[in-house]
Protein backbone atom coordinates (compact mmCIF):
# COMPACT_ATOMS: atom_id res chain seq x y z
CA UNK A 1 0.00 0.00 0.00
CA UNK A 2 1.33 3.41 -0.98
CA UNK A 3 -0.47 6.10 1.06
CA UNK A 4 -0.60 9.80 0.30
CA UNK A 5 -2.94 12.71 1.04
CA UNK A 6 -2.80 13.65 -2.64
CA UNK A 7 -5.24 12.66 -5.38
CA UNK A 8 -4.55 9.44 -7.28
CA UNK A 9 -4.60 9.47 -11.06
CA UNK A 10 -4.18 6.22 -13.01
CA UNK A 11 -2.70 8.17 -15.93
CA UNK A 12 0.05 9.84 -13.87
CA UNK A 13 3.79 9.09 -13.96
CA UNK A 14 3.36 7.47 -10.53
CA UNK A 15 1.07 4.83 -12.08
CA UNK A 16 3.68 4.07 -14.76
CA UNK A 17 6.41 3.83 -12.10
CA UNK A 18 4.32 1.43 -10.01
CA UNK A 19 3.79 -0.88 -12.99
CA UNK A 20 7.55 -0.93 -13.65
CA UNK A 21 8.34 -1.72 -10.00
CA UNK A 22 5.70 -4.49 -9.96
CA UNK A 23 7.35 -6.03 -13.02
CA UNK A 24 10.79 -5.99 -11.36
CA UNK A 25 9.43 -7.55 -8.16
CA UNK A 26 7.68 -10.33 -10.09
CA UNK A 27 10.85 -11.08 -12.05
CA UNK A 28 12.97 -11.77 -8.95
CA UNK A 29 10.85 -14.88 -8.33
CA UNK A 30 10.59 -14.52 -4.55
CA UNK A 31 6.80 -14.23 -4.45
CA UNK A 32 4.36 -17.12 -4.63
CA UNK A 33 2.89 -17.46 -8.14
CA UNK A 34 4.62 -14.14 -8.96
CA UNK A 35 1.66 -12.27 -7.44
CA UNK A 36 2.55 -8.67 -6.56
CA UNK A 37 -0.03 -5.98 -5.78
CA UNK A 38 0.82 -2.32 -5.24
CA UNK A 39 -2.25 -0.43 -4.02
CA UNK A 40 -2.28 3.39 -4.01
CA UNK A 41 -4.33 5.04 -1.24
CA UNK A 42 -5.15 8.74 -1.76
CA UNK A 43 -6.94 11.27 0.46
CA UNK A 44 -10.42 10.09 -0.56
CA UNK A 45 -9.64 6.42 0.08
CA UNK A 46 -7.97 7.27 3.41
CA UNK A 47 -11.07 9.13 4.55
CA UNK A 48 -13.32 6.21 3.65
CA UNK A 49 -11.04 3.75 5.44
CA UNK A 50 -11.04 6.00 8.50
CA UNK A 51 -14.86 6.23 8.53
CA UNK A 52 -15.17 2.48 8.09
CA UNK A 53 -12.79 1.80 10.98
CA UNK A 54 -14.44 4.28 13.34
CA UNK A 55 -18.10 3.89 12.41
CA UNK A 56 -18.64 0.32 11.23
CA UNK A 57 -22.32 -0.10 10.35
CA UNK A 58 -22.77 -3.85 10.67
CA UNK A 59 -26.22 -5.42 10.99
CA UNK A 60 -27.60 -8.93 11.54
CA UNK A 61 -31.11 -10.12 10.69
CA UNK A 62 -33.07 -13.02 9.20
CA UNK A 63 -34.17 -12.60 5.55
CA UNK A 64 -36.34 -15.62 4.71
CA UNK A 65 -38.76 -14.25 2.10
CA UNK A 66 -36.34 -13.36 -0.69
CA UNK A 67 -35.38 -14.20 -4.25
CA UNK A 68 -31.82 -14.02 -5.58
CA UNK A 69 -31.39 -11.78 -8.61
CA UNK A 70 -29.56 -12.91 -11.72
CA UNK A 71 -25.76 -12.93 -11.37
CA UNK A 72 -24.29 -9.45 -11.90
CA UNK A 73 -20.66 -8.60 -12.63
CA UNK A 74 -18.84 -7.16 -9.54
CA UNK A 75 -21.87 -7.84 -7.33
CA UNK A 76 -21.34 -10.58 -4.75
CA UNK A 77 -25.02 -11.11 -3.90
CA UNK A 78 -28.30 -9.40 -4.72
CA UNK A 79 -31.84 -10.11 -3.55
CA UNK A 80 -35.36 -8.76 -3.65
CA UNK A 81 -37.96 -9.74 -1.09
CA UNK A 82 -40.01 -8.76 1.95
CA UNK A 83 -38.77 -8.39 5.51
CA UNK A 84 -41.02 -8.43 8.60
CA UNK A 85 -40.60 -5.22 10.57
CA UNK A 86 -39.49 -7.30 13.54
CA UNK A 87 -36.34 -8.10 11.50
CA UNK A 88 -36.03 -4.74 9.73
CA UNK A 89 -36.05 -3.10 13.16
CA UNK A 90 -32.73 -4.88 13.81
CA UNK A 91 -31.30 -3.24 10.69
CA UNK A 92 -32.17 0.36 11.64
CA UNK A 93 -32.08 0.34 15.47
CA UNK A 94 -29.00 0.62 17.68
CA UNK A 95 -29.21 -2.08 20.38
CA UNK A 96 -27.38 -0.01 22.99
CA UNK A 97 -29.16 3.34 22.62
CA UNK A 98 -32.48 2.27 21.11
CA UNK A 99 -32.09 5.07 18.57
CA UNK A 100 -31.92 4.99 14.79
CA UNK A 101 -28.55 4.04 13.35
CA UNK A 102 -26.84 6.60 11.04
CA UNK A 103 -27.70 4.49 7.99
CA UNK A 104 -29.04 7.24 5.75
CA UNK A 105 -25.82 9.09 4.86
CA UNK A 106 -26.28 8.29 1.16
CA UNK A 107 -29.84 9.60 0.89
CA UNK A 108 -30.55 12.87 -0.93
CA UNK A 109 -32.90 13.98 1.85
CA UNK A 110 -32.98 13.48 5.58
CA UNK A 111 -36.26 12.72 7.35
CA UNK A 112 -38.76 15.44 6.38
CA UNK A 113 -41.03 14.81 9.38
CA UNK A 114 -44.23 12.78 9.90
CA UNK A 115 -46.47 15.60 8.63
CA UNK A 116 -44.92 15.67 5.13
CA UNK A 117 -47.57 14.44 2.64
CA UNK A 118 -46.03 11.09 1.67
CA UNK A 119 -44.95 10.37 5.25
CA UNK A 120 -48.41 11.23 6.53
CA UNK A 121 -49.90 8.57 4.23
CA UNK A 122 -47.36 5.97 5.40
CA UNK A 123 -48.12 6.96 8.99
CA UNK A 124 -51.88 6.63 8.48
CA UNK A 125 -51.53 3.15 6.94
CA UNK A 126 -49.58 2.04 10.02
CA UNK A 127 -51.79 3.83 12.56
CA UNK A 128 -54.86 2.20 10.99
CA UNK A 129 -53.06 -1.16 11.38
CA UNK A 130 -53.34 -1.94 7.65
CA UNK A 131 -50.19 -4.04 8.00
CA UNK A 132 -51.10 -6.48 5.24
CA UNK A 133 -51.47 -3.61 2.70
CA UNK A 134 -48.16 -1.96 3.56
CA UNK A 135 -46.04 -4.18 1.32
CA UNK A 136 -48.08 -3.30 -1.79
CA UNK A 137 -48.49 0.41 -1.00
CA UNK A 138 -44.84 1.15 -0.22
CA UNK A 139 -42.02 1.51 -2.78
CA UNK A 140 -39.65 -0.28 -0.46
CA UNK A 141 -36.13 -0.01 0.90
CA UNK A 142 -32.77 -0.39 -0.86
CA UNK A 143 -29.84 -1.60 1.26
CA UNK A 144 -26.24 -1.72 0.05
CA UNK A 145 -23.47 -3.47 1.98
CA UNK A 146 -19.84 -4.39 1.26
CA UNK A 147 -20.06 -7.98 2.47
CA UNK A 148 -22.32 -10.61 3.98
CA UNK A 149 -20.76 -12.86 6.62
CA UNK A 150 -24.01 -14.72 7.28
CA UNK A 151 -25.21 -18.07 5.95
CA UNK A 152 -28.59 -19.18 4.62
CA UNK A 153 -31.42 -17.00 5.92
CA UNK A 154 -29.12 -15.37 8.50
CA UNK A 155 -27.54 -12.20 7.10
CA UNK A 156 -24.61 -10.38 8.72
CA UNK A 157 -23.95 -7.27 6.66
CA UNK A 158 -20.66 -5.39 6.80
CA UNK A 159 -20.62 -1.60 6.32
CA UNK A 160 -24.24 -1.25 5.25
CA UNK A 161 -26.30 1.77 4.21
CA UNK A 162 -30.01 2.30 3.54
CA UNK A 163 -29.59 4.28 0.30
CA UNK A 164 -33.30 4.66 -0.44
CA UNK A 165 -36.05 4.49 2.17
CA UNK A 166 -35.09 7.11 4.73
CA UNK A 167 -38.66 8.43 5.01
CA UNK A 168 -40.22 4.95 5.33
CA UNK A 169 -37.62 3.86 7.90
CA UNK A 170 -38.16 6.92 10.08
CA UNK A 171 -41.97 6.62 10.04
CA UNK A 172 -41.75 2.92 10.89
CA UNK A 173 -39.35 3.72 13.74
CA UNK A 174 -41.74 6.34 15.15
CA UNK A 175 -44.48 3.67 15.21
CA UNK A 176 -42.29 0.77 16.38
CA UNK A 177 -44.28 0.23 19.59
CA UNK A 178 -47.69 -0.24 17.95
CA UNK A 179 -49.11 -3.66 18.78
CA UNK A 180 -48.74 -6.07 15.85
CA UNK A 181 -46.34 -3.93 13.80
CA UNK A 182 -43.61 -6.61 13.91
CA UNK A 183 -45.76 -8.59 11.46
CA UNK A 184 -45.83 -5.76 8.91
CA UNK A 185 -43.73 -6.64 5.82
CA UNK A 186 -41.31 -4.16 4.23
CA UNK A 187 -40.33 -4.58 0.52
CA UNK A 188 -36.52 -4.78 0.42
CA UNK A 189 -33.84 -4.82 -2.27
CA UNK A 190 -30.39 -5.87 -1.00
CA UNK A 191 -27.14 -5.53 -2.95
CA UNK A 192 -23.75 -6.76 -1.69
CA UNK A 193 -20.88 -5.10 -3.57
CA UNK A 194 -17.53 -3.42 -2.95
CA UNK A 195 -17.54 -1.76 -6.36
CA UNK A 196 -17.86 1.99 -5.69
CA UNK A 197 -19.04 2.75 -9.26
CA UNK A 198 -21.92 0.25 -9.03
CA UNK A 199 -22.75 1.53 -5.56
CA UNK A 200 -22.92 5.15 -6.77
CA UNK A 201 -25.04 4.23 -9.79
CA UNK A 202 -27.52 2.37 -7.57
CA UNK A 203 -27.71 5.32 -5.16
CA UNK A 204 -28.31 7.86 -7.94
CA UNK A 205 -30.81 5.60 -9.70
CA UNK A 206 -32.91 4.83 -6.60
CA UNK A 207 -32.95 8.46 -5.49
CA UNK A 208 -33.71 9.77 -8.98
CA UNK A 209 -36.98 7.86 -9.16
CA UNK A 210 -38.61 10.27 -6.69
CA UNK A 211 -39.44 13.91 -7.32
CA UNK A 212 -36.28 15.80 -6.39
CA UNK A 213 -34.44 18.79 -7.78
CA UNK A 214 -31.54 17.97 -10.09
CA UNK A 215 -28.94 19.70 -7.94
CA UNK A 216 -29.97 17.64 -4.90
CA UNK A 217 -28.36 14.59 -6.50
CA UNK A 218 -25.04 16.35 -5.95
CA UNK A 219 -25.46 15.39 -2.28
CA UNK A 220 -24.44 11.84 -3.18
CA UNK A 221 -20.97 12.74 -4.47
CA UNK A 222 -17.77 12.31 -2.47
CA UNK A 223 -16.93 15.99 -2.95
CA UNK A 224 -20.15 17.02 -1.19
CA UNK A 225 -19.62 14.60 1.69
CA UNK A 226 -16.07 15.87 2.17
CA UNK A 227 -17.20 19.50 1.96
CA UNK A 228 -19.74 18.82 4.72
CA UNK A 229 -16.94 17.53 6.98
CA UNK A 230 -14.66 20.43 5.98
CA UNK A 231 -17.26 22.94 7.25
CA UNK A 232 -17.32 21.26 10.66
CA UNK A 233 -13.54 21.39 10.96
CA UNK A 234 -13.30 25.13 10.24
CA UNK A 235 -14.74 26.13 13.61
CA UNK A 236 -16.97 29.07 12.64
CA UNK A 237 -20.21 27.31 13.58
CA UNK A 238 -21.34 26.85 9.96
CA UNK A 239 -23.01 23.63 8.77
CA UNK A 240 -23.22 22.48 5.16
CA UNK A 241 -26.62 20.97 4.38
CA UNK A 242 -25.88 18.73 1.41
CA UNK A 243 -29.02 16.68 2.20
CA UNK A 244 -32.35 18.43 2.51
CA UNK A 245 -33.53 18.79 6.14
CA UNK A 246 -30.54 16.95 7.59
CA UNK A 247 -30.30 19.41 10.51
CA UNK A 248 -34.02 20.10 10.85
CA UNK A 249 -34.38 17.90 13.92
CA UNK A 250 -31.31 19.17 15.79
CA UNK A 251 -32.37 22.06 18.06
CA UNK A 252 -28.71 22.91 18.82
CA UNK A 253 -28.13 24.02 15.21
CA UNK A 254 -29.63 27.39 14.32
CA UNK A 255 -31.14 27.89 10.87
CA UNK A 256 -28.95 30.94 10.19
CA UNK A 257 -25.84 28.72 10.57
CA UNK A 258 -26.95 26.33 7.80
CA UNK A 259 -25.77 26.71 4.19
CA UNK A 260 -27.66 24.59 1.66
CA UNK A 261 -26.44 23.47 -1.77
CA UNK A 262 -28.29 26.25 -3.60
CA UNK A 263 -26.82 29.03 -1.48
CA UNK A 264 -23.37 27.44 -1.73
CA UNK A 265 -23.59 27.46 -5.53
CA UNK A 266 -24.85 31.04 -5.67
CA UNK A 267 -22.21 32.49 -3.35
CA UNK A 268 -19.38 30.55 -5.06
CA UNK A 269 -20.48 31.50 -8.60
CA UNK A 270 -20.78 35.14 -7.53
CA UNK A 271 -17.40 35.33 -5.80
CA UNK A 272 -15.12 33.01 -7.76
CA UNK A 273 -16.72 32.83 -11.21
CA UNK A 274 -17.45 36.57 -10.91
CA UNK A 275 -21.04 36.25 -12.11
CA UNK A 276 -23.17 37.86 -9.36
CA UNK A 277 -25.68 39.05 -11.98
CA UNK A 278 -26.39 35.41 -12.95
CA UNK A 279 -27.11 34.12 -9.44
CA UNK A 280 -29.38 37.07 -8.64
CA UNK A 281 -31.89 35.67 -11.13
CA UNK A 282 -33.35 32.24 -11.97
CA UNK A 283 -31.37 29.53 -10.19
CA UNK A 284 -32.21 26.57 -12.46
CA UNK A 285 -30.36 28.09 -15.41
CA UNK A 286 -27.38 29.01 -13.20
CA UNK A 287 -26.94 25.41 -12.15
CA UNK A 288 -27.33 23.89 -15.61
CA UNK A 289 -25.02 26.37 -17.34
CA UNK A 290 -22.19 26.13 -14.78
CA UNK A 291 -22.29 22.55 -13.54
CA UNK A 292 -18.97 21.85 -15.27
CA UNK A 293 -17.28 24.67 -13.31
CA UNK A 294 -18.42 23.82 -9.78
CA UNK A 295 -17.83 20.98 -7.32
CA UNK A 296 -15.16 19.34 -9.49
CA UNK A 297 -13.32 16.50 -7.76
CA UNK A 298 -9.97 18.31 -8.04
CA UNK A 299 -11.24 21.54 -6.49
CA UNK A 300 -10.05 22.57 -3.04
CA UNK A 301 -12.72 23.13 -0.38
CA UNK A 302 -11.46 26.51 0.83
CA UNK A 303 -13.05 28.66 -1.95
CA UNK A 304 -16.46 27.12 -1.26
CA UNK A 305 -16.16 27.63 2.47
CA UNK A 306 -14.90 31.19 2.00
CA UNK A 307 -17.96 31.96 -0.17
CA UNK A 308 -20.32 30.64 2.49
CA UNK A 309 -18.54 32.42 5.35
CA UNK A 310 -18.67 35.72 3.42
CA UNK A 311 -22.43 35.32 3.05
CA UNK A 312 -22.78 34.42 6.76
CA UNK A 313 -20.76 37.42 7.98
CA UNK A 314 -22.66 39.77 5.68
CA UNK A 315 -25.97 38.54 7.13
CA UNK A 316 -24.67 39.10 10.65
CA UNK A 317 -23.76 42.70 9.82
CA UNK A 318 -27.20 43.24 8.26
CA UNK A 319 -28.99 41.84 11.30
CA UNK A 320 -26.93 43.96 13.69
CA UNK A 321 -27.77 47.03 11.50
CA UNK A 322 -24.09 47.78 10.88
CA UNK A 323 -24.90 47.55 7.16
CA UNK A 324 -28.12 49.02 5.75
CA UNK A 325 -30.61 46.35 4.72
CA UNK A 326 -31.12 47.91 1.29
CA UNK A 327 -27.70 46.54 0.25
CA UNK A 328 -29.01 42.98 0.60
CA UNK A 329 -30.41 43.38 -2.93
CA UNK A 330 -26.85 43.68 -4.26
CA UNK A 331 -25.29 41.17 -1.87
CA UNK A 332 -23.81 38.87 -4.52
CA UNK A 333 -22.11 41.81 -6.23
CA UNK A 334 -20.79 42.93 -2.84
CA UNK A 335 -19.44 39.40 -2.14
CA UNK A 336 -17.47 39.51 -5.40
CA UNK A 337 -16.10 42.99 -4.66
CA UNK A 338 -15.20 41.95 -1.09
CA UNK A 339 -13.06 39.12 -2.44
CA UNK A 340 -11.35 41.40 -4.94
CA UNK A 341 -10.66 44.08 -2.30
CA UNK A 342 -9.23 41.65 0.28
CA UNK A 343 -7.39 39.16 -1.94
CA UNK A 344 -3.67 38.88 -1.06
CA UNK A 345 -2.67 38.25 -4.69
CA UNK A 346 -4.28 37.41 -8.03
CA UNK A 347 -7.05 34.81 -7.87
CA UNK A 348 -5.98 31.21 -8.55
CA UNK A 349 -7.76 28.23 -10.04
CA UNK A 350 -9.77 26.29 -7.42
CA UNK A 351 -7.62 23.16 -7.98
CA UNK A 352 -4.34 25.03 -7.32
CA UNK A 353 -2.69 24.02 -4.02
CA UNK A 354 -1.89 27.66 -3.26
CA UNK A 355 -5.60 28.57 -3.21
CA UNK A 356 -5.62 27.50 0.46
CA UNK A 357 -3.27 30.35 1.46
CA UNK A 358 -5.21 32.74 -0.75
CA UNK A 359 -8.50 31.88 0.97
CA UNK A 360 -7.01 31.73 4.47
CA UNK A 361 -5.89 35.37 4.14
CA UNK A 362 -9.45 36.48 3.32
CA UNK A 363 -11.01 34.23 5.97
CA UNK A 364 -8.73 35.89 8.56
CA UNK A 365 -10.24 39.27 7.61
CA UNK A 366 -13.80 37.89 7.82
CA UNK A 367 -13.10 36.66 11.36
CA UNK A 368 -11.89 40.11 12.47
CA UNK A 369 -15.18 42.01 12.88
CA UNK A 370 -13.79 45.55 12.62
CA UNK A 371 -11.67 44.78 9.56
CA UNK A 372 -14.49 42.75 8.01
CA UNK A 373 -16.97 45.65 8.31
CA UNK A 374 -14.41 48.05 6.89
CA UNK A 375 -13.89 45.90 3.77
CA UNK A 376 -17.62 45.39 3.24
CA UNK A 377 -18.09 49.16 3.47
CA UNK A 378 -15.37 49.61 0.86
CA UNK A 379 -17.31 47.28 -1.44
CA UNK A 380 -20.53 49.18 -0.73
CA UNK A 381 -18.83 52.48 -1.62
CA UNK A 382 -17.99 51.05 -5.04
CA UNK A 383 -21.65 50.10 -5.53
CA UNK A 384 -22.75 53.61 -4.45
CA UNK A 385 -20.19 55.40 -6.62
CA UNK A 386 -21.15 53.35 -9.67
CA UNK A 387 -24.60 55.03 -9.61
CA UNK A 388 -26.26 51.61 -10.17
CA UNK A 389 -29.90 51.53 -9.10
CA UNK A 390 -29.92 48.48 -6.82
CA UNK A 391 -33.69 48.81 -6.37
CA UNK A 392 -34.17 47.93 -10.03
CA UNK A 393 -33.96 44.11 -10.50
CA UNK A 394 -33.15 44.44 -14.20
CA UNK A 395 -30.00 46.39 -13.27
CA UNK A 396 -28.90 43.65 -10.87
CA UNK A 397 -29.42 40.91 -13.50
CA UNK A 398 -27.27 42.59 -16.18
CA UNK A 399 -23.75 41.43 -16.96
CA UNK A 400 -22.91 45.03 -17.77
CA UNK A 401 -23.60 45.92 -14.14
CA UNK A 402 -20.97 43.41 -12.99
CA UNK A 403 -18.49 44.72 -15.57
CA UNK A 404 -19.12 48.30 -14.47
CA UNK A 405 -18.42 47.44 -10.83
CA UNK A 406 -15.19 45.61 -11.68
CA UNK A 407 -14.07 48.56 -13.79
CA UNK A 408 -14.91 50.96 -10.96
CA UNK A 409 -12.84 48.85 -8.55
CA UNK A 410 -9.85 48.81 -10.89
CA UNK A 411 -9.97 52.60 -11.28
CA UNK A 412 -10.43 53.16 -7.54
């Protein structure tokens, strides 16, 4: 194993070197059957190994009513069937705490609450004790695991996730003490595979069958999961909501501290793609036109976090009345100008290693309240001096407005 915190690329010179070294090792004849494996571990793989070691999600249950699916390449086992809730409860419930296990990490949405329309219907079916109808009314659960150590009807899943069925699972859990519910049957699809590509395709496919916004599928990517963790490590009290409603049931997290995918895209496009006029208008077009320029796997996380922190600090200054509320209409233009005013040197590509130092310098200013307010006021002066009517939406949506502000900054 060759471990590095870099990003592995099979087409790099390192890959060619590894193949040459493998050939030399095989040729010395010291290894049984000349088998030599050199396995590169990059930052993404290291993170996954760490999570697996520290949060193993292993479950055991009996799955009697099932049918094996036709053999699939790179899939160890696959089944479709029905599981009595008495057994499914073992899958989703932590024996020690009696709480739900964190099995829904790969769902687009967190639990939306029992009052949400679809959940209310599931709830009513259970409350009315229509247990026999449940299996034909419900779309079912999809479980993915890396391995099965069980035999026969006894399943022992290693590193499992419920990738579709978060809403159903939560509603069932809320009703787990209803008399007779253990005899309710849940439709289940189970796939055992270590192939990350197959896993991701299954996750996207199962989540895409429900009515969700296109950008919400981004929540399933490794970049989004890593960005969520990056927010937590930065220590400013911000939370990245890659999955809809994932913090809705945590009273310790205030709504103003949450940045969702849409707001992340808008603040980043405004600040780093320098298109505040675009994000001030219709979001759907913004996302479709710029999807190739955002959330790329090689991008560093700092520019995204900086964009979100800029937005957060600006809101704080608005709420404390240190900045007049009328400037909220031009906030995305102000974010862009703020970055340009405070940048330590010329802006870099988001995949450049030096972008970290670039962003850290601006983040330091954002964390210093007096300096932060001063720089925002400098940006506001540029808006005022440009004579742009910020009360006129058409002015805000024009590319010429952005160009005029940049030109004013350069002259000033």
